[in-house]
Amino acid sequence: MRWFITLFMLISVCALTACSGSGRRVGIPNRWRSPDIQFTTNKTTEEDVLRILGPPSQIVAIHQRTVYFYVLEETSSLRLGLLIFAWSSFDVEYDRAIFFFDKNGRLEKYALSPKSLVYEDD
């Protein structure tokens, strides 16, 4: 009888356990990480960047310069719920590219975030 009660309690605890995970990507696909794409200062234009990467996440005008921000956000979460205990983890990672153009629309400089998400060709 004692083993039956132990087995019943173990099954009950397992039945009241929940585990889930999720993840998603939001933003601009990180084509700037493609090995086939090259940007050259004083040669690449705003039109080139728009044609290759599409519309930016944000455009800012600073002292006769235009700045394009491209952002890709990846989130992932894990959750575990037991009868009397709950645990969760939520991670957010960003992959960013920033382009500075002069008043004539030529690329002055650009930078990519040191942390890169896996490039996915769509």
Protein backbone atom coordinates (compact mmCIF):
# COMPACT_ATOMS: atom_id res chain seq x y z
CA MET A 1 0.00 0.00 0.00
CA ARG A 2 2.87 2.38 0.80
CA TRP A 3 4.36 2.01 -2.71
CA PHE A 4 0.91 2.75 -4.16
CA ILE A 5 0.69 6.04 -2.25
CA THR A 6 4.24 6.95 -3.30
CA LEU A 7 3.46 6.14 -6.93
CA PHE A 8 0.21 8.11 -6.76
CA MET A 9 1.99 11.16 -5.32
CA LEU A 10 4.73 10.95 -7.96
CA ILE A 11 2.18 10.74 -10.76
CA SER A 12 0.21 13.64 -9.23
CA VAL A 13 3.30 15.86 -9.07
CA CYS A 14 4.22 14.99 -12.67
CA ALA A 15 0.67 15.73 -13.79
CA LEU A 16 0.84 19.16 -12.16
CA THR A 17 4.14 20.00 -13.89
CA ALA A 18 4.17 22.33 -16.87
CA CYS A 19 7.05 23.19 -19.16
CA SER A 20 7.04 25.47 -22.18
CA GLY A 21 9.39 27.41 -24.38
CA SER A 22 9.04 29.98 -27.12
CA GLY A 23 11.12 32.19 -29.36
CA ARG A 24 10.66 34.78 -32.08
CA ARG A 25 12.50 37.22 -34.32
CA VAL A 26 11.26 40.76 -34.82
CA GLY A 27 12.71 43.51 -36.98
CA ILE A 28 14.72 43.74 -40.15
CA PRO A 29 16.27 40.49 -41.48
CA ASN A 30 20.01 40.78 -40.85
CA ARG A 31 21.12 40.74 -44.49
CA TRP A 32 24.05 42.96 -43.46
CA ARG A 33 25.63 39.74 -42.13
CA SER A 34 25.53 38.07 -45.54
CA PRO A 35 29.02 37.29 -46.86
CA ASP A 36 27.81 38.34 -50.34
CA ILE A 37 27.04 41.93 -49.33
CA GLN A 38 29.80 44.54 -49.13
CA PHE A 39 29.51 48.22 -48.22
CA THR A 40 32.25 50.65 -49.27
CA THR A 41 32.75 54.07 -47.70
CA ASN A 42 32.52 57.03 -50.11
CA LYS A 43 31.11 54.71 -52.78
CA THR A 44 27.96 53.03 -51.42
CA THR A 45 24.91 55.32 -51.54
CA GLU A 46 21.71 55.56 -49.53
CA GLU A 47 19.87 54.05 -52.50
CA ASP A 48 22.25 51.07 -52.51
CA VAL A 49 21.62 50.37 -48.83
CA LEU A 50 17.85 50.75 -49.25
CA ARG A 51 17.86 48.42 -52.26
CA ILE A 52 19.93 45.78 -50.45
CA LEU A 53 18.53 45.96 -46.91
CA GLY A 54 15.12 47.55 -47.39
CA PRO A 55 13.66 50.29 -45.19
CA PRO A 56 15.56 50.87 -41.93
CA SER A 57 14.13 50.50 -38.45
CA GLN A 58 14.86 54.20 -37.82
CA ILE A 59 16.17 57.21 -39.75
CA VAL A 60 17.80 60.16 -37.96
CA ALA A 61 19.06 63.46 -39.39
CA ILE A 62 22.12 64.90 -37.60
CA HIS A 63 24.06 67.97 -38.81
CA GLN A 64 23.57 67.45 -42.58
CA ARG A 65 24.03 63.72 -42.19
CA THR A 66 21.50 60.93 -42.39
CA VAL A 67 21.79 57.90 -40.13
CA TYR A 68 20.07 54.57 -40.83
CA PHE A 69 19.54 52.13 -37.98
CA TYR A 70 18.73 48.49 -38.71
CA VAL A 71 17.74 46.25 -35.79
CA LEU A 72 16.87 42.57 -35.48
CA GLU A 73 15.64 41.34 -32.10
CA GLU A 74 15.50 37.70 -31.08
CA THR A 75 13.70 36.61 -27.92
CA SER A 76 13.55 33.23 -26.27
CA SER A 77 11.87 32.08 -23.10
CA LEU A 78 11.59 28.93 -21.02
CA ARG A 79 9.09 28.26 -18.27
CA LEU A 80 8.78 25.44 -15.76
CA GLY A 81 5.95 25.18 -13.28
CA LEU A 82 5.69 22.63 -10.52
CA LEU A 83 3.13 22.26 -7.80
CA ILE A 84 4.86 24.67 -5.41
CA PHE A 85 7.72 26.03 -7.55
CA ALA A 86 7.94 28.08 -10.73
CA TRP A 87 10.98 29.08 -12.79
CA SER A 88 11.26 31.15 -15.95
CA SER A 89 13.99 32.57 -18.15
CA PHE A 90 13.62 35.31 -20.76
CA ASP A 91 16.48 36.33 -23.06
CA VAL A 92 16.61 39.13 -25.63
CA GLU A 93 19.46 39.54 -28.12
CA TYR A 94 19.96 42.26 -30.70
CA ASP A 95 21.81 42.37 -34.00
CA ARG A 96 22.28 45.97 -35.22
CA ALA A 97 23.74 47.86 -38.14
CA ILE A 98 24.18 51.63 -38.37
CA PHE A 99 25.04 53.61 -41.50
CA PHE A 100 26.16 57.28 -41.66
CA PHE A 101 25.63 59.14 -44.93
CA ASP A 102 26.94 62.59 -45.87
CA LYS A 103 24.75 65.37 -47.30
CA ASN A 104 25.22 63.91 -50.81
CA GLY A 105 23.96 60.48 -49.77
CA ARG A 106 27.36 58.75 -49.78
CA LEU A 107 28.32 56.32 -47.04
CA GLU A 108 30.77 57.95 -44.59
CA LYS A 109 31.04 54.99 -42.20
CA TYR A 110 29.09 52.08 -40.87
CA ALA A 111 29.24 49.68 -37.96
CA LEU A 112 27.76 46.33 -37.01
CA SER A 113 27.06 45.19 -33.49
CA PRO A 114 29.72 42.88 -32.08
CA LYS A 115 27.04 40.35 -31.16
CA SER A 116 25.51 38.81 -34.27
CA LEU A 117 22.50 36.59 -34.59
CA VAL A 118 22.66 33.72 -37.01
CA TYR A 119 22.17 35.02 -40.54
CA GLU A 120 19.12 33.43 -42.18
CA ASP A 121 18.78 33.88 -45.92
CA ASP A 122 15.12 34.36 -46.78
